[in-house]
Amino acid sequence: MNVEVTPLPGIGVRKDFSIKSGRRRIGVIDRRDGTIDLIVGKADNPDVTDQLPLTAEEAAALANLLGAPQLVAQLRADHRDLEGVNTRQFPVLRGSPYDGRELGETEMRTRTKASIVAVMRAGHVHPSPGPDFTLTAGDLLVIVGTTEGLEAAGKILTDG
């Protein structure tokens, strides 16, 4: 995939690419002030046809939405021959009893036999987070375990 990077003097940087159909381009404008715009345009025209400003929190959520499925798909492929092993993603919601607390405080492995194998935060993967990793609202946890263990993990994250 060829991502074009275009400096925008005094504004920031435009990063975009043509999607597979070849008719559209999508990307972002990463502004010097730290804001990000999601952009869409026609493949044969450098002008932007749609532009959506995103807050940092919205950009992080979008990055998690786009990045987490790829990570989960890879883990599923890695575990496809292991009967009874499943991979799911769980968000840490605002108001969760673990928002702002360390991962070890969940006692996830001990309580469910499921393991938190990665945390997606702001589009970045934090693989194999340790017990001192502080969870925050907006994080997306990638958890591997049995069906029962994953159900219990979801309850722990919402109810404590």
C-alpha atoms as a PDB file:
ATOM      1  CA  MET A   1       0.000   0.000   0.000  1.00  0.00           C
ATOM      2  CA  ASN A   2       1.443   3.344  -1.061  1.00  0.00           C
ATOM      3  CA  VAL A   3       0.742   6.100   1.463  1.00  0.00           C
ATOM      4  CA  GLU A   4       1.424   9.553   0.077  1.00  0.00           C
ATOM      5  CA  VAL A   5       2.782  12.077   2.556  1.00  0.00           C
ATOM      6  CA  THR A   6       2.341  15.720   1.614  1.00  0.00           C
ATOM      7  CA  PRO A   7       3.696  18.567   3.771  1.00  0.00           C
ATOM      8  CA  LEU A   8       1.169  21.360   4.270  1.00  0.00           C
ATOM      9  CA  PRO A   9       3.269  24.406   5.200  1.00  0.00           C
ATOM     10  CA  GLY A  10       1.964  26.137   8.294  1.00  0.00           C
ATOM     11  CA  ILE A  11      -0.716  23.456   8.779  1.00  0.00           C
ATOM     12  CA  GLY A  12       0.853  20.015   9.172  1.00  0.00           C
ATOM     13  CA  VAL A  13       1.035  16.890   7.053  1.00  0.00           C
ATOM     14  CA  ARG A  14      -1.477  15.144   4.793  1.00  0.00           C
ATOM     15  CA  LYS A  15      -1.232  11.343   4.620  1.00  0.00           C
ATOM     16  CA  ASP A  16      -3.543   9.455   2.276  1.00  0.00           C
ATOM     17  CA  PHE A  17      -3.852   6.464  -0.042  1.00  0.00           C
ATOM     18  CA  SER A  18      -6.123   5.104  -2.770  1.00  0.00           C
ATOM     19  CA  ILE A  19      -8.532   2.429  -1.662  1.00  0.00           C
ATOM     20  CA  LYS A  20      -8.735  -0.859  -3.556  1.00  0.00           C
ATOM     21  CA  SER A  21     -11.612   0.216  -5.809  1.00  0.00           C
ATOM     22  CA  GLY A  22      -9.294   2.942  -7.117  1.00  0.00           C
ATOM     23  CA  ARG A  23     -12.026   5.586  -7.149  1.00  0.00           C
ATOM     24  CA  ARG A  24     -11.431   7.186  -3.759  1.00  0.00           C
ATOM     25  CA  ARG A  25      -8.623   8.286  -1.501  1.00  0.00           C
ATOM     26  CA  ILE A  26      -8.804   8.324   2.271  1.00  0.00           C
ATOM     27  CA  GLY A  27      -6.414   9.666   4.843  1.00  0.00           C
ATOM     28  CA  VAL A  28      -5.752  12.215   7.535  1.00  0.00           C
ATOM     29  CA  ILE A  29      -4.448  15.696   7.956  1.00  0.00           C
ATOM     30  CA  ASP A  30      -2.204  15.664  11.009  1.00  0.00           C
ATOM     31  CA  ARG A  31      -2.176  19.297  12.105  1.00  0.00           C
ATOM     32  CA  ARG A  32       0.666  21.050  13.894  1.00  0.00           C
ATOM     33  CA  ASP A  33      -1.718  21.979  16.701  1.00  0.00           C
ATOM     34  CA  GLY A  34      -2.276  18.274  17.447  1.00  0.00           C
ATOM     35  CA  THR A  35      -5.710  17.943  15.850  1.00  0.00           C
ATOM     36  CA  ILE A  36      -6.486  15.405  13.167  1.00  0.00           C
ATOM     37  CA  ASP A  37      -8.931  15.555  10.254  1.00  0.00           C
ATOM     38  CA  LEU A  38     -10.212  12.443   8.531  1.00  0.00           C
ATOM     39  CA  ILE A  39     -10.317  13.160   4.785  1.00  0.00           C
ATOM     40  CA  VAL A  40     -11.890  11.596   1.711  1.00  0.00           C
ATOM     41  CA  GLY A  41     -11.340  12.562  -1.905  1.00  0.00           C
ATOM     42  CA  LYS A  42     -11.462  11.274  -5.452  1.00  0.00           C
ATOM     43  CA  ALA A  43      -8.471   9.260  -6.627  1.00  0.00           C
ATOM     44  CA  ASP A  44      -7.913  11.451  -9.678  1.00  0.00           C
ATOM     45  CA  ASN A  45      -8.287  14.785  -7.840  1.00  0.00           C
ATOM     46  CA  PRO A  46      -6.044  16.089  -5.046  1.00  0.00           C
ATOM     47  CA  ASP A  47      -8.899  18.147  -3.559  1.00  0.00           C
ATOM     48  CA  VAL A  48     -10.598  16.849  -0.439  1.00  0.00           C
ATOM     49  CA  THR A  49     -14.324  16.192  -0.933  1.00  0.00           C
ATOM     50  CA  ASP A  50     -15.155  15.395   2.713  1.00  0.00           C
ATOM     51  CA  GLN A  51     -13.299  16.452   5.836  1.00  0.00           C
ATOM     52  CA  LEU A  52     -14.185  15.481   9.389  1.00  0.00           C
ATOM     53  CA  PRO A  53     -12.312  17.052  12.319  1.00  0.00           C
ATOM     54  CA  LEU A  54     -11.620  14.562  15.121  1.00  0.00           C
ATOM     55  CA  THR A  55     -10.752  15.195  18.750  1.00  0.00           C
ATOM     56  CA  ALA A  56      -7.739  13.327  20.091  1.00  0.00           C
ATOM     57  CA  GLU A  57     -10.121  10.952  21.870  1.00  0.00           C
ATOM     58  CA  GLU A  58     -12.109  10.337  18.664  1.00  0.00           C
ATOM     59  CA  ALA A  59      -8.932   9.752  16.644  1.00  0.00           C
ATOM     60  CA  ALA A  60      -7.732   7.258  19.285  1.00  0.00           C
ATOM     61  CA  ALA A  61     -11.095   5.456  19.242  1.00  0.00           C
ATOM     62  CA  LEU A  62     -11.022   5.241  15.441  1.00  0.00           C
ATOM     63  CA  ALA A  63      -7.441   3.952  15.504  1.00  0.00           C
ATOM     64  CA  ASN A  64      -8.496   1.272  17.999  1.00  0.00           C
ATOM     65  CA  LEU A  65     -11.475   0.317  15.844  1.00  0.00           C
ATOM     66  CA  LEU A  66      -9.245  -0.069  12.802  1.00  0.00           C
ATOM     67  CA  GLY A  67      -6.267  -1.687  14.527  1.00  0.00           C
ATOM     68  CA  ALA A  68      -7.884  -4.090  16.961  1.00  0.00           C
ATOM     69  CA  PRO A  69      -9.699  -6.254  14.373  1.00  0.00           C
ATOM     70  CA  GLN A  70      -6.403  -6.890  12.567  1.00  0.00           C
ATOM     71  CA  LEU A  71      -4.727  -7.935  15.809  1.00  0.00           C
ATOM     72  CA  VAL A  72      -7.635 -10.159  16.839  1.00  0.00           C
ATOM     73  CA  ALA A  73      -7.757 -11.757  13.357  1.00  0.00           C
ATOM     74  CA  GLN A  74      -4.050 -12.581  13.618  1.00  0.00           C
ATOM     75  CA  LEU A  75      -4.495 -14.111  17.065  1.00  0.00           C
ATOM     76  CA  ARG A  76      -7.486 -16.127  15.870  1.00  0.00           C
ATOM     77  CA  ALA A  77      -5.433 -17.432  12.958  1.00  0.00           C
ATOM     78  CA  ASP A  78      -2.619 -18.335  15.344  1.00  0.00           C
ATOM     79  CA  HIS A  79      -5.061 -20.260  17.589  1.00  0.00           C
ATOM     80  CA  ARG A  80      -7.362 -21.763  14.945  1.00  0.00           C
ATOM     81  CA  ASP A  81      -6.009 -25.270  15.498  1.00  0.00           C
ATOM     82  CA  LEU A  82      -6.376 -25.066  19.288  1.00  0.00           C
ATOM     83  CA  GLU A  83      -9.870 -26.252  20.188  1.00  0.00           C
ATOM     84  CA  GLY A  84     -11.472 -24.247  22.980  1.00  0.00           C
ATOM     85  CA  VAL A  85      -9.131 -21.264  22.678  1.00  0.00           C
ATOM     86  CA  ASN A  86     -10.876 -18.038  21.673  1.00  0.00           C
ATOM     87  CA  THR A  87      -9.834 -14.428  21.284  1.00  0.00           C
ATOM     88  CA  ARG A  88     -12.063 -11.416  21.954  1.00  0.00           C
ATOM     89  CA  GLN A  89     -11.662  -7.714  22.467  1.00  0.00           C
ATOM     90  CA  PHE A  90     -13.183  -5.794  25.359  1.00  0.00           C
ATOM     91  CA  PRO A  91     -13.271  -2.022  25.825  1.00  0.00           C
ATOM     92  CA  VAL A  92     -12.464  -0.319  29.095  1.00  0.00           C
ATOM     93  CA  LEU A  93     -15.433   1.999  29.365  1.00  0.00           C
ATOM     94  CA  ARG A  94     -15.580   5.291  31.205  1.00  0.00           C
ATOM     95  CA  GLY A  95     -16.865   4.414  34.653  1.00  0.00           C
ATOM     96  CA  SER A  96     -15.400   0.911  34.571  1.00  0.00           C
ATOM     97  CA  PRO A  97     -14.131  -0.128  37.998  1.00  0.00           C
ATOM     98  CA  TYR A  98     -10.694  -0.550  36.365  1.00  0.00           C
ATOM     99  CA  ASP A  99     -10.462   2.826  34.590  1.00  0.00           C
ATOM    100  CA  GLY A 100      -7.268   4.336  36.026  1.00  0.00           C
ATOM    101  CA  ARG A 101      -6.212   1.179  37.855  1.00  0.00           C
ATOM    102  CA  GLU A 102      -3.417  -1.277  37.188  1.00  0.00           C
ATOM    103  CA  LEU A 103      -4.076  -4.379  35.119  1.00  0.00           C
ATOM    104  CA  GLY A 104      -2.905  -6.632  37.972  1.00  0.00           C
ATOM    105  CA  GLU A 105      -5.758  -5.372  40.121  1.00  0.00           C
ATOM    106  CA  THR A 106      -8.227  -7.160  37.818  1.00  0.00           C
ATOM    107  CA  GLU A 107      -6.710 -10.520  38.802  1.00  0.00           C
ATOM    108  CA  MET A 108      -8.009 -11.564  35.379  1.00  0.00           C
ATOM    109  CA  ARG A 109      -5.910 -14.704  34.929  1.00  0.00           C
ATOM    110  CA  THR A 110      -6.556 -15.956  38.464  1.00  0.00           C
ATOM    111  CA  ARG A 111     -10.300 -15.241  38.367  1.00  0.00           C
ATOM    112  CA  THR A 112     -11.098 -16.378  34.801  1.00  0.00           C
ATOM    113  CA  LYS A 113      -8.168 -18.408  33.433  1.00  0.00           C
ATOM    114  CA  ALA A 114      -8.220 -15.909  30.522  1.00  0.00           C
ATOM    115  CA  SER A 115      -5.172 -13.819  29.631  1.00  0.00           C
ATOM    116  CA  ILE A 116      -4.908 -10.203  28.528  1.00  0.00           C
ATOM    117  CA  VAL A 117      -2.427 -10.535  25.676  1.00  0.00           C
ATOM    118  CA  ALA A 118      -2.479  -6.955  24.380  1.00  0.00           C
ATOM    119  CA  VAL A 119      -3.928  -3.510  24.968  1.00  0.00           C
ATOM    120  CA  MET A 120      -4.789  -1.191  22.090  1.00  0.00           C
ATOM    121  CA  ARG A 121      -4.484   2.458  23.088  1.00  0.00           C
ATOM    122  CA  ALA A 122      -4.711   5.373  20.695  1.00  0.00           C
ATOM    123  CA  GLY A 123      -3.880   3.114  17.766  1.00  0.00           C
ATOM    124  CA  HIS A 124      -0.798   1.621  19.411  1.00  0.00           C
ATOM    125  CA  VAL A 125      -0.531  -2.005  20.462  1.00  0.00           C
ATOM    126  CA  HIS A 126       0.937  -2.708  23.889  1.00  0.00           C
ATOM    127  CA  PRO A 127       1.719  -6.444  23.696  1.00  0.00           C
ATOM    128  CA  SER A 128       1.894  -8.584  26.824  1.00  0.00           C
ATOM    129  CA  PRO A 129       1.183  -5.760  29.287  1.00  0.00           C
ATOM    130  CA  GLY A 130       2.488  -6.374  32.786  1.00  0.00           C
ATOM    131  CA  PRO A 131       0.515  -6.155  36.028  1.00  0.00           C
ATOM    132  CA  ASP A 132       1.641  -2.543  36.551  1.00  0.00           C
ATOM    133  CA  PHE A 133       0.144  -1.385  33.205  1.00  0.00           C
ATOM    134  CA  THR A 134      -2.461   1.265  34.037  1.00  0.00           C
ATOM    135  CA  LEU A 135      -5.756   0.822  32.214  1.00  0.00           C
ATOM    136  CA  THR A 136      -7.683   3.844  31.013  1.00  0.00           C
ATOM    137  CA  ALA A 137     -11.091   4.461  29.462  1.00  0.00           C
ATOM    138  CA  GLY A 138     -10.867   3.918  25.719  1.00  0.00           C
ATOM    139  CA  ASP A 139      -8.381   1.055  25.957  1.00  0.00           C
ATOM    140  CA  LEU A 140      -9.299  -2.067  24.045  1.00  0.00           C
ATOM    141  CA  LEU A 141      -8.138  -5.259  25.737  1.00  0.00           C
ATOM    142  CA  VAL A 142      -7.384  -8.332  23.652  1.00  0.00           C
ATOM    143  CA  ILE A 143      -8.082 -11.393  25.767  1.00  0.00           C
ATOM    144  CA  VAL A 144      -7.489 -15.084  25.028  1.00  0.00           C
ATOM    145  CA  GLY A 145      -9.312 -17.851  26.864  1.00  0.00           C
ATOM    146  CA  THR A 146     -12.206 -20.274  26.879  1.00  0.00           C
ATOM    147  CA  THR A 147     -15.716 -19.087  26.077  1.00  0.00           C
ATOM    148  CA  GLU A 148     -16.573 -19.176  29.784  1.00  0.00           C
ATOM    149  CA  GLY A 149     -13.397 -17.330  30.716  1.00  0.00           C
ATOM    150  CA  LEU A 150     -14.076 -14.604  28.182  1.00  0.00           C
ATOM    151  CA  GLU A 151     -17.635 -14.144  29.446  1.00  0.00           C
ATOM    152  CA  ALA A 152     -16.306 -13.826  32.995  1.00  0.00           C
ATOM    153  CA  ALA A 153     -13.659 -11.338  31.811  1.00  0.00           C
ATOM    154  CA  GLY A 154     -16.360  -9.109  30.331  1.00  0.00           C
ATOM    155  CA  LYS A 155     -18.256  -9.127  33.625  1.00  0.00           C
ATOM    156  CA  ILE A 156     -15.126  -8.267  35.595  1.00  0.00           C
ATOM    157  CA  LEU A 157     -14.403  -5.271  33.375  1.00  0.00           C
ATOM    158  CA  THR A 158     -17.921  -3.887  33.754  1.00  0.00           C
ATOM    159  CA  ASP A 159     -18.856  -4.964  37.294  1.00  0.00           C
ATOM    160  CA  GLY A 160     -15.550  -5.433  39.090  1.00  0.00           C
END
